[in-house]
Protein backbone atom coordinates (compact mmCIF):
# COMPACT_ATOMS: atom_id res chain seq x y z
CA UNK A 1 -60.80 -121.40 118.97
CA UNK A 2 -61.48 -119.67 122.24
CA UNK A 3 -64.67 -119.40 124.25
CA UNK A 4 -65.66 -116.11 122.71
CA UNK A 5 -65.24 -117.54 119.19
CA UNK A 6 -67.86 -120.18 120.05
CA UNK A 7 -70.41 -117.66 121.32
CA UNK A 8 -71.50 -116.71 117.80
CA UNK A 9 -72.51 -120.28 116.94
CA UNK A 10 -74.25 -120.78 120.30
CA UNK A 11 -76.30 -117.57 119.97
CA UNK A 12 -77.17 -118.39 116.37
CA UNK A 13 -78.23 -121.93 117.35
CA UNK A 14 -80.50 -120.53 120.10
CA UNK A 15 -82.40 -118.69 117.36
CA UNK A 16 -83.89 -115.91 119.51
CA UNK A 17 -81.76 -113.13 118.06
CA UNK A 18 -80.54 -112.36 114.58
CA UNK A 19 -76.82 -111.68 114.50
CA UNK A 20 -75.89 -108.59 112.45
CA UNK A 21 -72.51 -107.30 111.35
CA UNK A 22 -73.05 -103.56 111.92
CA UNK A 23 -73.67 -101.96 115.31
CA UNK A 24 -76.07 -99.49 113.68
CA UNK A 25 -78.37 -102.40 112.75
CA UNK A 26 -78.40 -103.90 116.26
CA UNK A 27 -80.87 -103.45 119.10
CA UNK A 28 -78.65 -105.34 121.54
CA UNK A 29 -74.92 -105.93 121.84
CA UNK A 30 -73.30 -108.94 123.45
CA UNK A 31 -70.06 -108.05 125.19
CA UNK A 32 -67.59 -110.57 126.51
CA UNK A 33 -64.81 -110.35 129.02
CA UNK A 34 -62.77 -112.54 131.30
CA UNK A 35 -60.53 -112.31 134.30
CA UNK A 36 -58.01 -114.59 135.98
CA UNK A 37 -57.24 -114.33 139.68
CA UNK A 38 -55.36 -116.31 142.26
CA UNK A 39 -57.84 -117.01 145.07
CA UNK A 40 -55.63 -119.17 147.28
CA UNK A 41 -52.95 -121.82 147.30
CA UNK A 42 -52.45 -125.41 148.29
CA UNK A 43 -49.13 -126.14 149.92
CA UNK A 44 -47.39 -129.26 151.13
CA UNK A 45 -44.03 -129.87 152.70
CA UNK A 46 -41.97 -132.82 153.80
CA UNK A 47 -38.61 -133.06 155.33
CA UNK A 48 -36.10 -134.99 157.28
CA UNK A 49 -33.31 -134.08 159.63
CA UNK A 50 -31.04 -132.76 156.84
CA UNK A 51 -33.32 -131.54 154.04
CA UNK A 52 -36.86 -130.43 153.27
CA UNK A 53 -39.02 -129.97 150.21
CA UNK A 54 -42.04 -127.69 149.87
CA UNK A 55 -44.47 -127.07 147.03
CA UNK A 56 -47.19 -124.45 146.65
CA UNK A 57 -49.77 -124.54 143.86
CA UNK A 58 -52.05 -121.55 143.20
CA UNK A 59 -55.83 -121.99 143.10
CA UNK A 60 -57.16 -120.02 140.16
CA UNK A 61 -60.55 -118.49 139.44
CA UNK A 62 -61.05 -117.88 135.71
CA UNK A 63 -64.59 -116.56 135.19
CA UNK A 64 -65.91 -115.66 131.74
CA UNK A 65 -68.66 -113.06 131.38
CA UNK A 66 -71.39 -112.44 128.80
CA UNK A 67 -73.06 -109.03 129.06
CA UNK A 68 -76.20 -107.94 127.17
CA UNK A 69 -76.21 -104.20 126.45
CA UNK A 70 -78.82 -101.92 124.83
CA UNK A 71 -77.12 -100.84 121.59
CA UNK A 72 -78.75 -97.40 121.61
CA UNK A 73 -78.29 -96.34 125.25
CA UNK A 74 -75.27 -98.51 126.17
CA UNK A 75 -77.19 -99.56 129.30
CA UNK A 76 -76.28 -102.97 130.71
CA UNK A 77 -79.39 -105.16 130.69
CA UNK A 78 -78.06 -108.51 131.84
CA UNK A 79 -74.78 -110.07 132.98
CA UNK A 80 -73.99 -113.75 133.43
CA UNK A 81 -70.76 -115.53 134.25
CA UNK A 82 -69.32 -118.98 134.68
CA UNK A 83 -65.95 -120.42 135.52
CA UNK A 84 -63.86 -121.48 132.55
CA UNK A 85 -64.60 -125.07 131.56
CA UNK A 86 -62.25 -127.59 129.95
CA UNK A 87 -63.72 -126.91 126.50
CA UNK A 88 -64.16 -123.42 125.07
CA UNK A 89 -67.33 -124.53 123.30
CA UNK A 90 -68.77 -125.87 126.54
CA UNK A 91 -68.01 -122.61 128.36
CA UNK A 92 -69.74 -120.63 125.60
CA UNK A 93 -72.75 -122.94 125.82
CA UNK A 94 -73.03 -122.42 129.59
CA UNK A 95 -72.93 -118.63 129.16
CA UNK A 96 -75.59 -118.60 126.44
CA UNK A 97 -77.80 -121.03 128.39
CA UNK A 98 -77.61 -118.80 131.46
CA UNK A 99 -78.70 -115.79 129.40
CA UNK A 100 -81.44 -117.89 127.83
CA UNK A 101 -82.79 -119.05 131.22
CA UNK A 102 -82.85 -115.51 132.59
CA UNK A 103 -84.66 -114.13 129.54
CA UNK A 104 -87.14 -116.97 129.16
CA UNK A 105 -87.98 -116.90 132.87
CA UNK A 106 -89.48 -113.42 132.47
């Protein structure tokens, strides 16, 4: 299961919103997206008088986004993101907790 598969269980566990199957029954929509980008590289090289070896490893940024949208106007209400974690369930939990903190802080 991927991060976005875990979001349903995390939102349901939070208990603030009721999850519905039809868009027509919803007041809010939760949209998800991700992106992967190379943001740099680490390189090393070694050599002697007759040969050399070099290695370059890309540094990746892999943020995941959770966006809260008004279902009737399609207006974006809130957007949170976090870098991909080792566990998809953990990443989903971080996203939902960030939404939760922003909403409950108001």
